[in-house]
Amino acid sequence: MLGTIFTHEMKPMEVEILVAEVGLAAEGDQMFHILYDGTVMDERDYAAIGGDAETISTRLAETWTEGLDRAAAIAVGMKALGGPEREIALGSSRSSSCRGPTDGAASTASPHPT
């Protein structure tokens, strides 16, 4: 039943998936962006999916630097999600102001203990 929504309906649903493999050493981490049509893209450092992904990716590209620790990477991601028109306060992850139904960003920045 659910499968037909994605292929046979008048306006099929488009789904994007981000799959991340994170290990003990950052060198082996991988991130794959899978588009609704089955296209798989290998992402490096960060990725954005959803309704405003292009704008969020542009913001991430402008502020991302290699070697960010976890806290700095989260701050960069929150700034990219918020954009110039709003600021997302750290610690308000359950707030509706920082979560959209179709927007998301992910980072492979240092998920490993330092």
Protein backbone atom coordinates (compact mmCIF):
# COMPACT_ATOMS: atom_id res chain seq x y z
CA MET A 1 0.00 0.00 0.00
CA LEU A 2 2.55 2.57 1.10
CA GLY A 3 4.84 1.72 -1.81
CA THR A 4 2.26 2.77 -4.39
CA ILE A 5 2.22 6.32 -2.98
CA PHE A 6 5.78 6.73 -4.22
CA THR A 7 5.24 5.40 -7.74
CA HIS A 8 1.61 5.16 -8.86
CA GLU A 9 -0.25 8.12 -7.39
CA MET A 10 -1.19 11.18 -9.47
CA LYS A 11 1.47 13.18 -7.62
CA PRO A 12 3.97 10.66 -6.24
CA MET A 13 5.82 11.44 -3.04
CA GLU A 14 9.48 12.33 -3.41
CA VAL A 15 11.72 11.08 -0.63
CA GLU A 16 15.37 11.82 0.05
CA ILE A 17 17.43 9.79 2.49
CA LEU A 18 20.76 10.58 4.09
CA VAL A 19 22.73 7.54 5.24
CA ALA A 20 25.81 8.06 7.39
CA GLU A 21 28.37 5.48 8.46
CA VAL A 22 30.34 6.77 11.43
CA GLY A 23 33.12 4.74 12.98
CA LEU A 24 35.75 5.13 15.65
CA ALA A 25 38.12 6.95 13.28
CA ALA A 26 36.87 9.88 11.18
CA GLU A 27 38.91 8.75 8.17
CA GLY A 28 36.49 5.88 7.54
CA ASP A 29 33.27 7.89 7.85
CA GLN A 30 30.94 7.97 4.85
CA MET A 31 27.76 9.85 4.01
CA PHE A 32 25.41 9.07 1.12
CA HIS A 33 22.54 11.20 -0.16
CA ILE A 34 19.92 9.05 -1.89
CA LEU A 35 17.44 10.92 -4.09
CA TYR A 36 13.84 9.89 -4.77
CA ASP A 37 14.80 8.50 -8.19
CA GLY A 38 17.47 6.21 -6.71
CA THR A 39 20.46 8.41 -7.52
CA VAL A 40 23.18 8.01 -4.88
CA MET A 41 25.63 10.82 -4.18
CA ASP A 42 28.71 10.53 -1.98
CA GLU A 43 28.72 13.57 0.34
CA ARG A 44 31.78 14.96 2.10
CA ASP A 45 31.85 16.97 5.35
CA TYR A 46 28.19 18.11 5.34
CA ALA A 47 24.89 17.63 3.53
CA ALA A 48 21.46 19.23 3.45
CA ILE A 49 18.24 17.60 2.28
CA GLY A 50 14.68 18.76 1.98
CA GLY A 51 12.77 21.78 0.80
CA ASP A 52 15.45 24.46 1.11
CA ALA A 53 18.51 22.22 0.76
CA GLU A 54 20.24 24.32 -1.90
CA THR A 55 20.15 27.48 0.21
CA ILE A 56 21.25 25.61 3.34
CA SER A 57 24.10 23.93 1.43
CA THR A 58 25.27 27.31 0.17
CA ARG A 59 25.31 28.67 3.72
CA LEU A 60 27.20 25.59 4.93
CA ALA A 61 29.77 25.96 2.13
CA GLU A 62 30.37 29.58 3.17
CA THR A 63 30.99 28.78 6.85
CA TRP A 64 32.30 25.20 7.00
CA THR A 65 35.98 24.62 7.74
CA GLU A 66 37.89 21.36 8.03
CA GLY A 67 38.53 20.10 11.54
CA LEU A 68 35.55 21.61 13.38
CA ASP A 69 34.83 19.99 16.71
CA ARG A 70 31.31 18.76 17.43
CA ALA A 71 30.12 21.95 19.16
CA ALA A 72 31.44 24.20 16.39
CA ALA A 73 29.92 21.95 13.68
CA ILE A 74 26.53 22.08 15.41
CA ALA A 75 26.77 25.88 15.64
CA VAL A 76 27.60 26.13 11.92
CA GLY A 77 24.68 23.82 11.06
CA MET A 78 22.23 25.75 13.22
CA LYS A 79 23.33 29.04 11.65
CA ALA A 80 22.89 27.54 8.16
CA LEU A 81 19.41 26.23 9.03
CA GLY A 82 18.34 29.54 10.57
CA GLY A 83 19.75 31.77 7.86
CA PRO A 84 20.17 35.52 8.15
CA GLU A 85 16.55 36.11 9.13
CA ARG A 86 16.53 34.12 12.38
CA GLU A 87 18.86 32.76 15.01
CA ILE A 88 18.37 29.35 16.53
CA ALA A 89 19.36 29.26 20.19
CA LEU A 90 21.57 26.37 21.23
CA GLY A 91 19.67 24.06 23.55
CA SER A 92 16.29 24.66 21.94
CA SER A 93 16.41 21.55 19.76
CA ARG A 94 12.79 20.73 20.60
CA SER A 95 11.65 24.22 19.62
CA SER A 96 9.53 24.51 16.50
CA SER A 97 11.73 27.42 15.40
CA CYS A 98 14.62 25.08 14.60
CA ARG A 99 12.77 22.17 13.03
CA GLY A 100 11.03 22.24 9.70
CA PRO A 101 9.00 19.38 8.28
CA THR A 102 11.22 18.95 5.21
CA ASP A 103 14.54 20.63 5.96
CA GLY A 104 17.57 18.96 7.44
CA ALA A 105 21.32 19.17 7.58
CA ALA A 106 23.90 16.69 8.69
CA SER A 107 27.58 16.78 9.41
CA THR A 108 30.35 14.26 9.78
CA ALA A 109 32.31 16.65 11.97
CA SER A 110 34.24 14.92 14.67
CA PRO A 111 31.61 12.59 16.16
CA HIS A 112 34.55 10.78 17.70
CA PRO A 113 35.95 11.43 21.17
CA THR A 114 38.91 13.77 21.15
